[in-house]
Amino acid sequence: MSTMEVITLGREMVLMALLVAAPLLGFGLLAGLVVSIFQAVTQVNELTLTFVPKIVVVAVALAFFLPWILDLMTAYTTNLIESFPQLIR
């Protein structure tokens, strides 16, 4: 296995991790922003108010994006396993 193949595999792995995490992190960020604006406007500083909406939004986003994430991960894993003979040579 050459250095270039290792770099390519590492790059693909990082890209896959970013693609899988991006929707969940994005919706969590949006929920945190909305809650922060709400807290700033109303001056309510309740700790559970920051965590519960984020957890709910991320859970809903996970339920919505799970089929896409599974398809993406299945395709990546299939391509990786199929490329083993070329990588081992």
N, C-alpha and C. Protein backbone atom coordinates (compact mmCIF):
# COMPACT_ATOMS: atom_id res chain seq x y z
N MET A 1 0.85 -1.16 0.00
CA MET A 1 0.00 0.00 0.00
C MET A 1 0.91 1.24 0.00
N SER A 2 0.67 2.10 -0.95
CA SER A 2 1.52 3.28 -1.07
C SER A 2 1.03 4.40 -0.16
N THR A 3 1.86 5.38 -0.01
CA THR A 3 1.52 6.54 0.83
C THR A 3 0.30 7.27 0.27
N MET A 4 0.22 7.37 -1.05
CA MET A 4 -0.90 8.07 -1.66
C MET A 4 -2.22 7.35 -1.40
N GLU A 5 -2.21 6.02 -1.41
CA GLU A 5 -3.42 5.26 -1.11
C GLU A 5 -3.86 5.47 0.33
N VAL A 6 -2.91 5.52 1.25
CA VAL A 6 -3.24 5.76 2.66
C VAL A 6 -3.83 7.15 2.83
N ILE A 7 -3.25 8.14 2.17
CA ILE A 7 -3.76 9.51 2.25
C ILE A 7 -5.17 9.59 1.67
N THR A 8 -5.40 8.91 0.55
CA THR A 8 -6.73 8.90 -0.07
C THR A 8 -7.76 8.25 0.85
N LEU A 9 -7.39 7.11 1.46
CA LEU A 9 -8.31 6.45 2.39
C LEU A 9 -8.61 7.33 3.60
N GLY A 10 -7.60 7.99 4.12
CA GLY A 10 -7.81 8.89 5.26
C GLY A 10 -8.69 10.07 4.90
N ARG A 11 -8.48 10.62 3.71
CA ARG A 11 -9.30 11.75 3.26
C ARG A 11 -10.76 11.34 3.09
N GLU A 12 -10.98 10.17 2.49
CA GLU A 12 -12.34 9.67 2.31
C GLU A 12 -13.01 9.39 3.65
N MET A 13 -12.23 8.89 4.62
CA MET A 13 -12.77 8.61 5.93
C MET A 13 -13.21 9.89 6.65
N VAL A 14 -12.37 10.91 6.57
CA VAL A 14 -12.71 12.18 7.21
C VAL A 14 -13.92 12.83 6.53
N LEU A 15 -13.96 12.77 5.20
CA LEU A 15 -15.10 13.31 4.47
C LEU A 15 -16.38 12.58 4.85
N MET A 16 -16.31 11.27 4.99
CA MET A 16 -17.49 10.49 5.38
C MET A 16 -17.95 10.87 6.79
N ALA A 17 -17.02 11.04 7.69
CA ALA A 17 -17.38 11.44 9.06
C ALA A 17 -18.05 12.82 9.06
N LEU A 18 -17.54 13.74 8.25
CA LEU A 18 -18.15 15.07 8.16
C LEU A 18 -19.54 15.01 7.55
N LEU A 19 -19.71 14.19 6.51
CA LEU A 19 -21.02 14.08 5.88
C LEU A 19 -22.05 13.46 6.82
N VAL A 20 -21.63 12.49 7.61
CA VAL A 20 -22.55 11.83 8.54
C VAL A 20 -22.92 12.76 9.69
N ALA A 21 -21.96 13.52 10.18
CA ALA A 21 -22.20 14.37 11.35
C ALA A 21 -22.83 15.72 11.00
N ALA A 22 -22.64 16.20 9.78
CA ALA A 22 -23.07 17.55 9.42
C ALA A 22 -24.55 17.84 9.66
N PRO A 23 -25.48 16.99 9.22
CA PRO A 23 -26.89 17.33 9.46
C PRO A 23 -27.24 17.41 10.94
N LEU A 24 -26.72 16.47 11.71
CA LEU A 24 -27.04 16.47 13.14
C LEU A 24 -26.44 17.68 13.85
N LEU A 25 -25.18 17.96 13.54
CA LEU A 25 -24.53 19.12 14.16
C LEU A 25 -25.17 20.43 13.71
N GLY A 26 -25.57 20.49 12.44
CA GLY A 26 -26.20 21.70 11.92
C GLY A 26 -27.53 21.99 12.61
N PHE A 27 -28.37 20.96 12.75
CA PHE A 27 -29.65 21.18 13.42
C PHE A 27 -29.46 21.44 14.91
N GLY A 28 -28.47 20.80 15.52
CA GLY A 28 -28.16 21.10 16.93
C GLY A 28 -27.70 22.54 17.10
N LEU A 29 -26.89 23.01 16.16
CA LEU A 29 -26.43 24.39 16.20
C LEU A 29 -27.59 25.37 16.04
N LEU A 30 -28.47 25.07 15.11
CA LEU A 30 -29.65 25.93 14.89
C LEU A 30 -30.53 25.97 16.14
N ALA A 31 -30.77 24.82 16.75
CA ALA A 31 -31.58 24.77 17.96
C ALA A 31 -30.92 25.56 19.08
N GLY A 32 -29.60 25.44 19.22
CA GLY A 32 -28.88 26.19 20.25
C GLY A 32 -28.96 27.69 20.01
N LEU A 33 -28.90 28.10 18.75
CA LEU A 33 -29.01 29.51 18.42
C LEU A 33 -30.39 30.06 18.76
N VAL A 34 -31.42 29.31 18.42
CA VAL A 34 -32.79 29.74 18.72
C VAL A 34 -32.99 29.83 20.23
N VAL A 35 -32.52 28.84 20.97
CA VAL A 35 -32.66 28.85 22.43
C VAL A 35 -31.88 30.01 23.03
N SER A 36 -30.69 30.26 22.51
CA SER A 36 -29.88 31.38 23.03
C SER A 36 -30.56 32.72 22.79
N ILE A 37 -31.13 32.90 21.61
CA ILE A 37 -31.86 34.14 21.33
C ILE A 37 -33.06 34.27 22.25
N PHE A 38 -33.78 33.16 22.45
CA PHE A 38 -34.93 33.17 23.36
C PHE A 38 -34.50 33.53 24.78
N GLN A 39 -33.38 32.97 25.24
CA GLN A 39 -32.90 33.27 26.58
C GLN A 39 -32.45 34.72 26.69
N ALA A 40 -31.85 35.24 25.67
CA ALA A 40 -31.39 36.63 25.71
C ALA A 40 -32.57 37.60 25.73
N VAL A 41 -33.60 37.28 24.98
CA VAL A 41 -34.78 38.16 24.92
C VAL A 41 -35.57 38.12 26.21
N THR A 42 -35.76 36.93 26.76
CA THR A 42 -36.60 36.80 27.95
C THR A 42 -35.80 36.83 29.25
N GLN A 43 -34.50 36.77 29.17
CA GLN A 43 -33.60 36.73 30.33
C GLN A 43 -33.89 35.55 31.25
N VAL A 44 -34.29 34.44 30.65
CA VAL A 44 -34.49 33.18 31.38
C VAL A 44 -33.21 32.38 31.24
N ASN A 45 -32.56 32.06 32.35
CA ASN A 45 -31.30 31.33 32.31
C ASN A 45 -31.45 29.96 32.97
N GLU A 46 -32.29 29.14 32.40
CA GLU A 46 -32.50 27.79 32.91
C GLU A 46 -31.61 26.83 32.15
N LEU A 47 -30.83 26.01 32.86
CA LEU A 47 -29.89 25.10 32.22
C LEU A 47 -30.58 24.04 31.37
N THR A 48 -31.70 23.51 31.86
CA THR A 48 -32.38 22.47 31.10
C THR A 48 -32.97 23.02 29.81
N LEU A 49 -33.22 24.31 29.77
CA LEU A 49 -33.75 24.93 28.56
C LEU A 49 -32.74 24.88 27.42
N THR A 50 -31.46 24.79 27.73
CA THR A 50 -30.46 24.73 26.67
C THR A 50 -30.26 23.31 26.14
N PHE A 51 -30.41 22.30 26.99
CA PHE A 51 -30.11 20.93 26.58
C PHE A 51 -31.29 20.18 25.99
N VAL A 52 -32.45 20.30 26.59
CA VAL A 52 -33.60 19.51 26.16
C VAL A 52 -34.01 19.81 24.71
N PRO A 53 -34.15 21.07 24.31
CA PRO A 53 -34.50 21.30 22.90
C PRO A 53 -33.44 20.78 21.92
N LYS A 54 -32.18 20.91 22.28
CA LYS A 54 -31.12 20.40 21.40
C LYS A 54 -31.22 18.88 21.25
N ILE A 55 -31.44 18.19 22.35
CA ILE A 55 -31.56 16.73 22.31
C ILE A 55 -32.74 16.31 21.45
N VAL A 56 -33.86 16.99 21.62
CA VAL A 56 -35.06 16.67 20.84
C VAL A 56 -34.82 16.93 19.36
N VAL A 57 -34.25 18.08 19.03
CA VAL A 57 -34.01 18.43 17.63
C VAL A 57 -33.01 17.47 16.99
N VAL A 58 -31.96 17.11 17.69
CA VAL A 58 -30.97 16.18 17.14
C VAL A 58 -31.59 14.79 16.97
N ALA A 59 -32.45 14.37 17.90
CA ALA A 59 -33.12 13.07 17.77
C ALA A 59 -34.05 13.06 16.57
N VAL A 60 -34.79 14.14 16.36
CA VAL A 60 -35.68 14.23 15.19
C VAL A 60 -34.86 14.26 13.90
N ALA A 61 -33.76 15.01 13.90
CA ALA A 61 -32.89 15.06 12.72
C ALA A 61 -32.29 13.69 12.44
N LEU A 62 -31.91 12.97 13.48
CA LEU A 62 -31.36 11.63 13.30
C LEU A 62 -32.41 10.70 12.70
N ALA A 63 -33.64 10.78 13.20
CA ALA A 63 -34.71 9.94 12.65
C ALA A 63 -34.98 10.29 11.18
N PHE A 64 -34.89 11.56 10.84
CA PHE A 64 -35.14 12.00 9.47
C PHE A 64 -33.99 11.62 8.53
N PHE A 65 -32.74 11.81 8.98
CA PHE A 65 -31.58 11.59 8.12
C PHE A 65 -31.01 10.17 8.21
N LEU A 66 -31.53 9.33 9.08
CA LEU A 66 -30.96 7.99 9.27
C LEU A 66 -30.94 7.15 7.99
N PRO A 67 -32.01 7.13 7.18
CA PRO A 67 -31.90 6.34 5.94
C PRO A 67 -30.78 6.83 5.02
N TRP A 68 -30.63 8.13 4.89
CA TRP A 68 -29.56 8.68 4.06
C TRP A 68 -28.19 8.34 4.62
N ILE A 69 -28.04 8.46 5.94
CA ILE A 69 -26.76 8.15 6.59
C ILE A 69 -26.43 6.67 6.40
N LEU A 70 -27.41 5.80 6.56
CA LEU A 70 -27.16 4.37 6.39
C LEU A 70 -26.79 4.04 4.95
N ASP A 71 -27.46 4.66 3.97
CA ASP A 71 -27.10 4.45 2.57
C ASP A 71 -25.67 4.91 2.30
N LEU A 72 -25.33 6.07 2.84
CA LEU A 72 -23.99 6.62 2.65
C LEU A 72 -22.93 5.70 3.26
N MET A 73 -23.16 5.26 4.49
CA MET A 73 -22.20 4.39 5.16
C MET A 73 -22.12 3.01 4.50
N THR A 74 -23.24 2.49 4.01
CA THR A 74 -23.23 1.20 3.33
C THR A 74 -22.43 1.29 2.03
N ALA A 75 -22.63 2.34 1.27
CA ALA A 75 -21.88 2.52 0.02
C ALA A 75 -20.39 2.68 0.30
N TYR A 76 -20.06 3.45 1.32
CA TYR A 76 -18.64 3.66 1.68
C TYR A 76 -17.99 2.34 2.11
N THR A 77 -18.68 1.60 2.96
CA THR A 77 -18.13 0.33 3.45
C THR A 77 -17.99 -0.68 2.31
N THR A 78 -19.00 -0.74 1.43
CA THR A 78 -18.93 -1.65 0.29
C THR A 78 -17.75 -1.31 -0.61
N ASN A 79 -17.58 -0.02 -0.91
CA ASN A 79 -16.45 0.40 -1.75
C ASN A 79 -15.11 0.09 -1.08
N LEU A 80 -15.05 0.29 0.22
CA LEU A 80 -13.80 0.01 0.95
C LEU A 80 -13.47 -1.48 0.92
N ILE A 81 -14.45 -2.32 1.18
CA ILE A 81 -14.22 -3.77 1.17
C ILE A 81 -13.87 -4.26 -0.23
N GLU A 82 -14.54 -3.71 -1.24
CA GLU A 82 -14.24 -4.12 -2.62
C GLU A 82 -12.86 -3.67 -3.06
N SER A 83 -12.32 -2.63 -2.44
CA SER A 83 -11.00 -2.14 -2.84
C SER A 83 -9.86 -2.84 -2.09
N PHE A 84 -10.17 -3.76 -1.18
CA PHE A 84 -9.13 -4.47 -0.44
C PHE A 84 -8.11 -5.17 -1.34
N PRO A 85 -8.54 -5.91 -2.38
CA PRO A 85 -7.52 -6.60 -3.21
C PRO A 85 -6.51 -5.63 -3.83
N GLN A 86 -6.95 -4.45 -4.26
CA GLN A 86 -6.02 -3.50 -4.85
C GLN A 86 -5.13 -2.87 -3.79
N LEU A 87 -5.62 -2.75 -2.58
CA LEU A 87 -4.84 -2.11 -1.51
C LEU A 87 -3.77 -3.03 -0.95
N ILE A 88 -4.05 -4.34 -0.94
CA ILE A 88 -3.14 -5.29 -0.31
C ILE A 88 -1.93 -5.59 -1.20
N ARG A 89 -2.07 -5.58 -2.47
CA ARG A 89 -1.00 -5.98 -3.41
C ARG A 89 0.33 -5.59 -2.96
